[in-house]
Amino acid sequence: MKFGDLAARFSDTTENQRKAIFSTLFITGNKLQTLFDNHIPKVSLKQFMLLSIVRQSKEPLTFTQLGHSLGCSRQNIKKLADVLEKKGFITIQQSPLDTRAMCICPTEKVNSYFQNEFLEYQEELKYLFEVYTEEEIETLFTLLSRLYAGIENLEKRILEDEDRSHL
């Protein structure tokens, strides 16, 4: 089903629009992952996102902290980290704050990758957003920030429901 068909079919009520938005977010994520994974060498999109967070962090982050940031499990972070360590992008070390936790630390190869190889792909990312005006980008940014707040709200609700079911 093309997006235009989806939009037309689900535009009649707020409830249907919610369903279409949810579906669109899922499909969009899959499309971006497929495009990125098939086009960018050396790392997958998930590996790239992990490297981006690790690179931007001021201190080493644990698998649990990174899982929370990326919206996935500690185990998924561990799998991604193992591959990235074998590729020489990171090292896995014991946390200086918690001897039971492991941290991911970037190697110089990460900076080199972002400064050299990934630069050309950053230019290509502009194509993703060239269909928007500056005002639309600002609106999209605001709405996606609100969506993130909605996700946190849903997470809180699910945890509360789980706590009540254990009583």
N, C-alpha and C. Protein backbone atom coordinates (compact mmCIF):
# COMPACT_ATOMS: atom_id res chain seq x y z
N MET A 1 0.85 -1.18 0.00
CA MET A 1 0.00 0.00 0.00
C MET A 1 0.89 1.24 0.00
N LYS A 2 0.63 2.17 -0.90
CA LYS A 2 1.38 3.41 -0.96
C LYS A 2 0.89 4.35 0.13
N PHE A 3 1.79 5.28 0.54
CA PHE A 3 1.42 6.18 1.62
C PHE A 3 0.20 7.01 1.28
N GLY A 4 0.09 7.46 0.04
CA GLY A 4 -1.08 8.25 -0.36
C GLY A 4 -2.37 7.48 -0.15
N ASP A 5 -2.35 6.18 -0.46
CA ASP A 5 -3.53 5.33 -0.23
C ASP A 5 -3.81 5.19 1.26
N LEU A 6 -2.74 5.01 2.03
CA LEU A 6 -2.89 4.88 3.49
C LEU A 6 -3.48 6.16 4.07
N ALA A 7 -2.94 7.29 3.64
CA ALA A 7 -3.43 8.58 4.15
C ALA A 7 -4.90 8.79 3.81
N ALA A 8 -5.27 8.49 2.57
CA ALA A 8 -6.67 8.68 2.16
C ALA A 8 -7.60 7.73 2.92
N ARG A 9 -7.16 6.53 3.10
CA ARG A 9 -8.00 5.52 3.75
C ARG A 9 -8.20 5.78 5.24
N PHE A 10 -7.22 6.41 5.88
CA PHE A 10 -7.26 6.58 7.33
C PHE A 10 -7.39 8.03 7.78
N SER A 11 -7.81 8.91 6.91
CA SER A 11 -7.87 10.33 7.28
C SER A 11 -9.23 10.76 7.82
N ASP A 12 -10.20 9.85 7.89
CA ASP A 12 -11.57 10.26 8.24
C ASP A 12 -11.81 10.50 9.72
N THR A 13 -11.06 9.85 10.61
CA THR A 13 -11.27 10.06 12.05
C THR A 13 -9.93 10.18 12.76
N THR A 14 -9.95 10.78 13.94
CA THR A 14 -8.74 10.90 14.74
C THR A 14 -8.19 9.52 15.08
N GLU A 15 -9.06 8.59 15.41
CA GLU A 15 -8.62 7.23 15.75
C GLU A 15 -7.89 6.58 14.56
N ASN A 16 -8.45 6.73 13.37
CA ASN A 16 -7.80 6.17 12.19
C ASN A 16 -6.48 6.90 11.88
N GLN A 17 -6.45 8.20 12.12
CA GLN A 17 -5.22 8.95 11.91
C GLN A 17 -4.13 8.47 12.87
N ARG A 18 -4.49 8.18 14.11
CA ARG A 18 -3.52 7.62 15.07
C ARG A 18 -2.95 6.31 14.55
N LYS A 19 -3.83 5.45 14.04
CA LYS A 19 -3.38 4.16 13.49
C LYS A 19 -2.45 4.38 12.30
N ALA A 20 -2.78 5.32 11.44
CA ALA A 20 -1.95 5.61 10.27
C ALA A 20 -0.59 6.18 10.68
N ILE A 21 -0.58 7.05 11.67
CA ILE A 21 0.68 7.62 12.16
C ILE A 21 1.56 6.52 12.72
N PHE A 22 0.97 5.65 13.54
CA PHE A 22 1.73 4.55 14.13
C PHE A 22 2.32 3.66 13.03
N SER A 23 1.50 3.30 12.06
CA SER A 23 1.97 2.46 10.95
C SER A 23 3.06 3.15 10.16
N THR A 24 2.88 4.43 9.92
CA THR A 24 3.85 5.20 9.15
C THR A 24 5.20 5.26 9.88
N LEU A 25 5.17 5.44 11.19
CA LEU A 25 6.42 5.47 11.95
C LEU A 25 7.17 4.15 11.82
N PHE A 26 6.45 3.06 11.91
CA PHE A 26 7.06 1.73 11.80
C PHE A 26 7.65 1.53 10.40
N ILE A 27 6.86 1.83 9.39
CA ILE A 27 7.30 1.64 8.00
C ILE A 27 8.48 2.56 7.69
N THR A 28 8.41 3.80 8.13
CA THR A 28 9.48 4.77 7.89
C THR A 28 10.79 4.29 8.51
N GLY A 29 10.71 3.81 9.74
CA GLY A 29 11.91 3.28 10.39
C GLY A 29 12.52 2.13 9.61
N ASN A 30 11.68 1.23 9.14
CA ASN A 30 12.18 0.09 8.35
C ASN A 30 12.81 0.55 7.04
N LYS A 31 12.17 1.50 6.37
CA LYS A 31 12.70 1.99 5.10
C LYS A 31 14.05 2.68 5.30
N LEU A 32 14.16 3.51 6.33
CA LEU A 32 15.42 4.18 6.60
C LEU A 32 16.52 3.17 6.94
N GLN A 33 16.17 2.17 7.74
CA GLN A 33 17.17 1.16 8.09
C GLN A 33 17.63 0.40 6.85
N THR A 34 16.70 0.03 5.99
CA THR A 34 17.06 -0.70 4.77
C THR A 34 17.94 0.15 3.86
N LEU A 35 17.55 1.41 3.65
CA LEU A 35 18.35 2.31 2.81
C LEU A 35 19.76 2.47 3.36
N PHE A 36 19.84 2.73 4.65
CA PHE A 36 21.14 2.95 5.28
C PHE A 36 21.98 1.67 5.23
N ASP A 37 21.41 0.56 5.64
CA ASP A 37 22.15 -0.70 5.69
C ASP A 37 22.66 -1.13 4.32
N ASN A 38 21.90 -0.84 3.27
CA ASN A 38 22.31 -1.24 1.92
C ASN A 38 23.27 -0.26 1.26
N HIS A 39 23.40 0.93 1.82
CA HIS A 39 24.16 1.97 1.15
C HIS A 39 25.44 2.38 1.87
N ILE A 40 25.45 2.33 3.18
CA ILE A 40 26.60 2.79 3.95
C ILE A 40 27.48 1.60 4.32
N PRO A 41 28.75 1.64 3.95
CA PRO A 41 29.61 0.49 4.26
C PRO A 41 30.07 0.46 5.72
N LYS A 42 30.51 -0.66 6.14
CA LYS A 42 31.18 -0.92 7.42
C LYS A 42 30.27 -1.06 8.62
N VAL A 43 29.19 -0.28 8.71
CA VAL A 43 28.32 -0.37 9.89
C VAL A 43 26.86 -0.37 9.47
N SER A 44 26.03 -1.03 10.27
CA SER A 44 24.59 -0.98 10.06
C SER A 44 24.04 0.30 10.68
N LEU A 45 22.79 0.61 10.41
CA LEU A 45 22.19 1.80 11.00
C LEU A 45 22.18 1.72 12.52
N LYS A 46 21.85 0.56 13.06
CA LYS A 46 21.84 0.41 14.52
C LYS A 46 23.24 0.58 15.10
N GLN A 47 24.24 0.03 14.42
CA GLN A 47 25.61 0.21 14.87
C GLN A 47 26.01 1.69 14.79
N PHE A 48 25.59 2.33 13.70
CA PHE A 48 25.88 3.75 13.53
C PHE A 48 25.27 4.59 14.66
N MET A 49 24.01 4.30 14.99
CA MET A 49 23.35 5.06 16.06
C MET A 49 24.06 4.86 17.39
N LEU A 50 24.48 3.63 17.67
CA LEU A 50 25.23 3.36 18.90
C LEU A 50 26.55 4.13 18.90
N LEU A 51 27.26 4.10 17.78
CA LEU A 51 28.51 4.85 17.69
C LEU A 51 28.29 6.35 17.87
N SER A 52 27.21 6.87 17.32
CA SER A 52 26.90 8.30 17.45
C SER A 52 26.72 8.70 18.91
N ILE A 53 25.98 7.89 19.64
CA ILE A 53 25.73 8.20 21.05
C ILE A 53 27.02 8.06 21.86
N VAL A 54 27.77 7.00 21.62
CA VAL A 54 29.03 6.77 22.33
C VAL A 54 30.00 7.92 22.05
N ARG A 55 30.06 8.34 20.81
CA ARG A 55 30.97 9.42 20.41
C ARG A 55 30.60 10.75 21.05
N GLN A 56 29.31 11.02 21.20
CA GLN A 56 28.86 12.30 21.74
C GLN A 56 28.88 12.36 23.26
N SER A 57 28.95 11.21 23.91
CA SER A 57 28.89 11.17 25.36
C SER A 57 30.18 11.70 25.97
N LYS A 58 30.02 12.43 27.07
CA LYS A 58 31.18 12.97 27.76
C LYS A 58 31.87 11.92 28.62
N GLU A 59 31.13 10.89 29.04
CA GLU A 59 31.72 9.82 29.83
C GLU A 59 31.27 8.47 29.27
N PRO A 60 32.01 7.40 29.60
CA PRO A 60 31.61 6.08 29.11
C PRO A 60 30.22 5.70 29.62
N LEU A 61 29.40 5.14 28.74
CA LEU A 61 28.05 4.73 29.09
C LEU A 61 27.97 3.22 29.18
N THR A 62 27.16 2.74 30.12
CA THR A 62 26.98 1.30 30.28
C THR A 62 26.03 0.77 29.21
N PHE A 63 26.01 -0.55 29.05
CA PHE A 63 25.09 -1.18 28.12
C PHE A 63 23.66 -0.80 28.46
N THR A 64 23.34 -0.78 29.74
CA THR A 64 21.97 -0.45 30.18
C THR A 64 21.62 0.99 29.80
N GLN A 65 22.53 1.93 30.05
CA GLN A 65 22.28 3.33 29.70
C GLN A 65 22.11 3.50 28.19
N LEU A 66 22.94 2.82 27.43
CA LEU A 66 22.84 2.91 25.98
C LEU A 66 21.56 2.27 25.46
N GLY A 67 21.15 1.17 26.08
CA GLY A 67 19.89 0.54 25.70
C GLY A 67 18.72 1.48 25.93
N HIS A 68 18.75 2.17 27.05
CA HIS A 68 17.68 3.13 27.34
C HIS A 68 17.68 4.26 26.30
N SER A 69 18.86 4.75 25.96
CA SER A 69 18.97 5.84 24.97
C SER A 69 18.48 5.43 23.60
N LEU A 70 18.78 4.19 23.21
CA LEU A 70 18.41 3.72 21.87
C LEU A 70 17.07 3.01 21.84
N GLY A 71 16.46 2.82 23.00
CA GLY A 71 15.16 2.17 23.03
C GLY A 71 15.23 0.67 22.77
N CYS A 72 16.29 0.03 23.23
CA CYS A 72 16.40 -1.41 23.07
C CYS A 72 16.98 -2.03 24.34
N SER A 73 17.12 -3.31 24.34
CA SER A 73 17.58 -4.00 25.54
C SER A 73 19.09 -3.93 25.69
N ARG A 74 19.53 -4.18 26.90
CA ARG A 74 20.94 -4.27 27.21
C ARG A 74 21.60 -5.36 26.35
N GLN A 75 20.86 -6.45 26.16
CA GLN A 75 21.37 -7.58 25.37
C GLN A 75 21.60 -7.18 23.90
N ASN A 76 20.70 -6.37 23.36
CA ASN A 76 20.88 -5.89 21.98
C ASN A 76 22.12 -5.00 21.88
N ILE A 77 22.33 -4.16 22.88
CA ILE A 77 23.51 -3.31 22.90
C ILE A 77 24.77 -4.17 22.95
N LYS A 78 24.74 -5.21 23.76
CA LYS A 78 25.88 -6.12 23.87
C LYS A 78 26.21 -6.75 22.51
N LYS A 79 25.20 -7.19 21.78
CA LYS A 79 25.42 -7.77 20.45
C LYS A 79 26.03 -6.76 19.49
N LEU A 80 25.47 -5.55 19.48
CA LEU A 80 26.01 -4.50 18.61
C LEU A 80 27.45 -4.17 19.00
N ALA A 81 27.69 -4.08 20.31
CA ALA A 81 29.02 -3.73 20.81
C ALA A 81 30.06 -4.79 20.44
N ASP A 82 29.69 -6.06 20.55
CA ASP A 82 30.62 -7.13 20.20
C ASP A 82 31.08 -7.00 18.75
N VAL A 83 30.14 -6.71 17.85
CA VAL A 83 30.49 -6.56 16.43
C VAL A 83 31.37 -5.33 16.23
N LEU A 84 31.01 -4.22 16.87
CA LEU A 84 31.78 -2.98 16.71
C LEU A 84 33.18 -3.10 17.31
N GLU A 85 33.30 -3.87 18.38
CA GLU A 85 34.61 -4.09 18.97
C GLU A 85 35.49 -4.89 18.00
N LYS A 86 34.93 -5.92 17.38
CA LYS A 86 35.68 -6.72 16.41
C LYS A 86 36.11 -5.87 15.21
N LYS A 87 35.31 -4.87 14.86
CA LYS A 87 35.64 -3.98 13.75
C LYS A 87 36.62 -2.88 14.16
N GLY A 88 36.92 -2.78 15.47
CA GLY A 88 37.88 -1.80 15.95
C GLY A 88 37.34 -0.42 16.25
N PHE A 89 36.00 -0.27 16.28
CA PHE A 89 35.40 1.04 16.53
C PHE A 89 35.31 1.39 18.02
N ILE A 90 35.23 0.38 18.87
CA ILE A 90 35.05 0.61 20.31
C ILE A 90 35.87 -0.39 21.10
N THR A 91 36.00 -0.10 22.39
CA THR A 91 36.48 -1.09 23.34
C THR A 91 35.40 -1.25 24.40
N ILE A 92 35.31 -2.42 24.96
CA ILE A 92 34.37 -2.70 26.05
C ILE A 92 35.19 -2.83 27.32
N GLN A 93 34.85 -1.99 28.30
CA GLN A 93 35.63 -1.95 29.54
C GLN A 93 34.70 -1.96 30.74
N GLN A 94 35.27 -2.32 31.87
CA GLN A 94 34.51 -2.28 33.12
C GLN A 94 34.22 -0.82 33.48
N SER A 95 33.01 -0.58 33.96
CA SER A 95 32.61 0.77 34.34
C SER A 95 33.45 1.25 35.53
N PRO A 96 33.93 2.50 35.46
CA PRO A 96 34.67 3.04 36.61
C PRO A 96 33.75 3.32 37.81
N LEU A 97 32.45 3.41 37.55
CA LEU A 97 31.49 3.73 38.62
C LEU A 97 30.82 2.50 39.22
N ASP A 98 30.76 1.40 38.46
CA ASP A 98 30.08 0.19 38.91
C ASP A 98 30.82 -1.01 38.35
N THR A 99 31.51 -1.73 39.20
CA THR A 99 32.35 -2.84 38.75
C THR A 99 31.54 -3.98 38.13
N ARG A 100 30.23 -3.99 38.33
CA ARG A 100 29.39 -5.03 37.73
C ARG A 100 28.97 -4.68 36.30
N ALA A 101 29.13 -3.42 35.93
CA ALA A 101 28.66 -2.95 34.62
C ALA A 101 29.81 -2.78 33.64
N MET A 102 29.47 -2.96 32.37
CA MET A 102 30.44 -2.77 31.30
C MET A 102 30.10 -1.50 30.52
N CYS A 103 31.14 -0.81 30.08
CA CYS A 103 30.99 0.44 29.32
C CYS A 103 31.57 0.29 27.93
N ILE A 104 31.10 1.15 27.06
CA ILE A 104 31.60 1.19 25.70
C ILE A 104 32.38 2.49 25.54
N CYS A 105 33.61 2.35 25.06
CA CYS A 105 34.48 3.52 24.83
C CYS A 105 34.87 3.57 23.36
N PRO A 106 34.76 4.74 22.74
CA PRO A 106 35.13 4.86 21.32
C PRO A 106 36.64 4.79 21.14
N THR A 107 37.05 4.26 20.02
CA THR A 107 38.47 4.28 19.64
C THR A 107 38.68 5.43 18.66
N GLU A 108 39.89 5.68 18.30
CA GLU A 108 40.18 6.73 17.32
C GLU A 108 39.53 6.43 15.97
N LYS A 109 39.28 5.16 15.70
CA LYS A 109 38.66 4.76 14.43
C LYS A 109 37.26 5.38 14.29
N VAL A 110 36.57 5.59 15.40
CA VAL A 110 35.23 6.21 15.35
C VAL A 110 35.33 7.63 14.83
N ASN A 111 36.24 8.42 15.41
CA ASN A 111 36.40 9.80 14.96
C ASN A 111 36.81 9.85 13.50
N SER A 112 37.73 8.99 13.12
CA SER A 112 38.17 8.93 11.73
C SER A 112 37.00 8.60 10.80
N TYR A 113 36.19 7.65 11.21
CA TYR A 113 35.03 7.25 10.40
C TYR A 113 34.07 8.43 10.20
N PHE A 114 33.75 9.13 11.28
CA PHE A 114 32.80 10.25 11.19
C PHE A 114 33.39 11.43 10.43
N GLN A 115 34.68 11.67 10.58
CA GLN A 115 35.31 12.82 9.93
C GLN A 115 35.63 12.58 8.46
N ASN A 116 35.80 11.33 8.08
CA ASN A 116 36.20 11.03 6.71
C ASN A 116 35.12 10.28 5.94
N GLU A 117 34.97 9.01 6.23
CA GLU A 117 34.08 8.16 5.43
C GLU A 117 32.61 8.56 5.52
N PHE A 118 32.14 8.93 6.69
CA PHE A 118 30.72 9.21 6.81
C PHE A 118 30.34 10.59 6.28
N LEU A 119 31.30 11.46 6.09
CA LEU A 119 31.01 12.83 5.65
C LEU A 119 30.19 12.87 4.36
N GLU A 120 30.55 12.02 3.38
CA GLU A 120 29.82 12.03 2.12
C GLU A 120 28.37 11.58 2.31
N TYR A 121 28.13 10.71 3.26
CA TYR A 121 26.76 10.25 3.49
C TYR A 121 25.94 11.27 4.26
N GLN A 122 26.61 12.12 5.04
CA GLN A 122 25.90 13.21 5.70
C GLN A 122 25.29 14.15 4.67
N GLU A 123 26.00 14.36 3.60
CA GLU A 123 25.47 15.19 2.51
C GLU A 123 24.21 14.56 1.92
N GLU A 124 24.22 13.25 1.78
CA GLU A 124 23.06 12.56 1.23
C GLU A 124 21.85 12.65 2.14
N LEU A 125 22.09 12.75 3.45
CA LEU A 125 20.97 12.88 4.38
C LEU A 125 20.17 14.16 4.12
N LYS A 126 20.80 15.14 3.53
CA LYS A 126 20.10 16.39 3.22
C LYS A 126 18.93 16.12 2.27
N TYR A 127 19.06 15.10 1.40
CA TYR A 127 17.98 14.77 0.47
C TYR A 127 16.71 14.36 1.21
N LEU A 128 16.88 13.74 2.35
CA LEU A 128 15.74 13.30 3.14
C LEU A 128 14.87 14.50 3.56
N PHE A 129 15.51 15.61 3.82
CA PHE A 129 14.79 16.76 4.37
C PHE A 129 14.63 17.92 3.39
N GLU A 130 15.12 17.76 2.16
CA GLU A 130 15.03 18.88 1.22
C GLU A 130 13.59 19.14 0.76
N VAL A 131 12.69 18.24 1.04
CA VAL A 131 11.29 18.44 0.66
C VAL A 131 10.54 19.31 1.66
N TYR A 132 11.22 19.72 2.74
CA TYR A 132 10.60 20.53 3.79
C TYR A 132 11.12 21.96 3.75
N THR A 133 10.27 22.88 4.16
CA THR A 133 10.71 24.24 4.40
C THR A 133 11.37 24.27 5.78
N GLU A 134 12.07 25.35 6.09
CA GLU A 134 12.68 25.49 7.42
C GLU A 134 11.60 25.46 8.51
N GLU A 135 10.47 26.09 8.26
CA GLU A 135 9.38 26.10 9.23
C GLU A 135 8.82 24.69 9.44
N GLU A 136 8.71 23.93 8.37
CA GLU A 136 8.21 22.55 8.48
C GLU A 136 9.19 21.68 9.27
N ILE A 137 10.47 21.90 9.06
CA ILE A 137 11.47 21.14 9.83
C ILE A 137 11.34 21.48 11.31
N GLU A 138 11.17 22.75 11.61
CA GLU A 138 11.00 23.16 13.01
C GLU A 138 9.74 22.52 13.61
N THR A 139 8.66 22.50 12.84
CA THR A 139 7.41 21.88 13.31
C THR A 139 7.59 20.38 13.49
N LEU A 140 8.23 19.73 12.54
CA LEU A 140 8.47 18.29 12.64
C LEU A 140 9.32 17.98 13.86
N PHE A 141 10.36 18.77 14.08
CA PHE A 141 11.21 18.59 15.26
C PHE A 141 10.39 18.70 16.54
N THR A 142 9.54 19.71 16.62
CA THR A 142 8.70 19.90 17.80
C THR A 142 7.74 18.73 17.98
N LEU A 143 7.11 18.28 16.89
CA LEU A 143 6.16 17.18 16.98
C LEU A 143 6.84 15.86 17.34
N LEU A 144 8.02 15.63 16.80
CA LEU A 144 8.74 14.40 17.15
C LEU A 144 9.18 14.43 18.61
N SER A 145 9.53 15.60 19.11
CA SER A 145 9.85 15.73 20.54
C SER A 145 8.64 15.41 21.38
N ARG A 146 7.49 15.85 20.95
CA ARG A 146 6.24 15.54 21.67
C ARG A 146 5.91 14.06 21.56
N LEU A 147 6.19 13.47 20.40
CA LEU A 147 5.97 12.03 20.24
C LEU A 147 6.84 11.25 21.22
N TYR A 148 8.09 11.70 21.38
CA TYR A 148 8.97 11.05 22.34
C TYR A 148 8.39 11.15 23.75
N ALA A 149 7.82 12.31 24.08
CA ALA A 149 7.17 12.46 25.39
C ALA A 149 5.98 11.50 25.50
N GLY A 150 5.26 11.30 24.39
CA GLY A 150 4.16 10.34 24.39
C GLY A 150 4.64 8.92 24.60
N ILE A 151 5.79 8.58 24.02
CA ILE A 151 6.37 7.24 24.22
C ILE A 151 6.73 7.05 25.69
N GLU A 152 7.34 8.07 26.29
CA GLU A 152 7.67 7.99 27.71
C GLU A 152 6.41 7.84 28.55
N ASN A 153 5.35 8.53 28.16
CA ASN A 153 4.07 8.42 28.86
C ASN A 153 3.53 6.98 28.76
N LEU A 154 3.61 6.40 27.58
CA LEU A 154 3.16 5.01 27.39
C LEU A 154 4.01 4.05 28.22
N GLU A 155 5.32 4.24 28.22
CA GLU A 155 6.20 3.39 29.02
C GLU A 155 5.82 3.46 30.50
N LYS A 156 5.57 4.66 30.98
CA LYS A 156 5.18 4.86 32.38
C LYS A 156 3.87 4.12 32.67
N ARG A 157 2.92 4.24 31.77
CA ARG A 157 1.63 3.59 31.95
C ARG A 157 1.77 2.06 31.99
N ILE A 158 2.58 1.52 31.10
CA ILE A 158 2.78 0.08 31.07
C ILE A 158 3.44 -0.40 32.35
N LEU A 159 4.43 0.34 32.84
CA LEU A 159 5.09 -0.03 34.10
C LEU A 159 4.11 0.03 35.27
N GLU A 160 3.26 1.05 35.29
CA GLU A 160 2.26 1.15 36.36
C GLU A 160 1.29 -0.03 36.31
N ASP A 161 0.86 -0.40 35.09
CA ASP A 161 -0.03 -1.54 34.94
C ASP A 161 0.63 -2.84 35.40
N GLU A 162 1.93 -2.98 35.07
CA GLU A 162 2.64 -4.18 35.50
C GLU A 162 2.78 -4.22 37.02
N ASP A 163 3.05 -3.05 37.63
CA ASP A 163 3.14 -2.99 39.10
C ASP A 163 1.82 -3.35 39.75
N ARG A 164 0.71 -2.87 39.18
CA ARG A 164 -0.62 -3.17 39.75
C ARG A 164 -0.95 -4.65 39.59
N SER A 165 -0.50 -5.26 38.52
CA SER A 165 -0.82 -6.68 38.31
C SER A 165 -0.02 -7.58 39.26
N HIS A 166 1.05 -7.07 39.85
CA HIS A 166 1.84 -7.85 40.79
C HIS A 166 1.35 -7.72 42.23
N LEU A 167 0.36 -6.89 42.44
CA LEU A 167 -0.17 -6.69 43.81
C LEU A 167 -1.12 -7.79 44.20
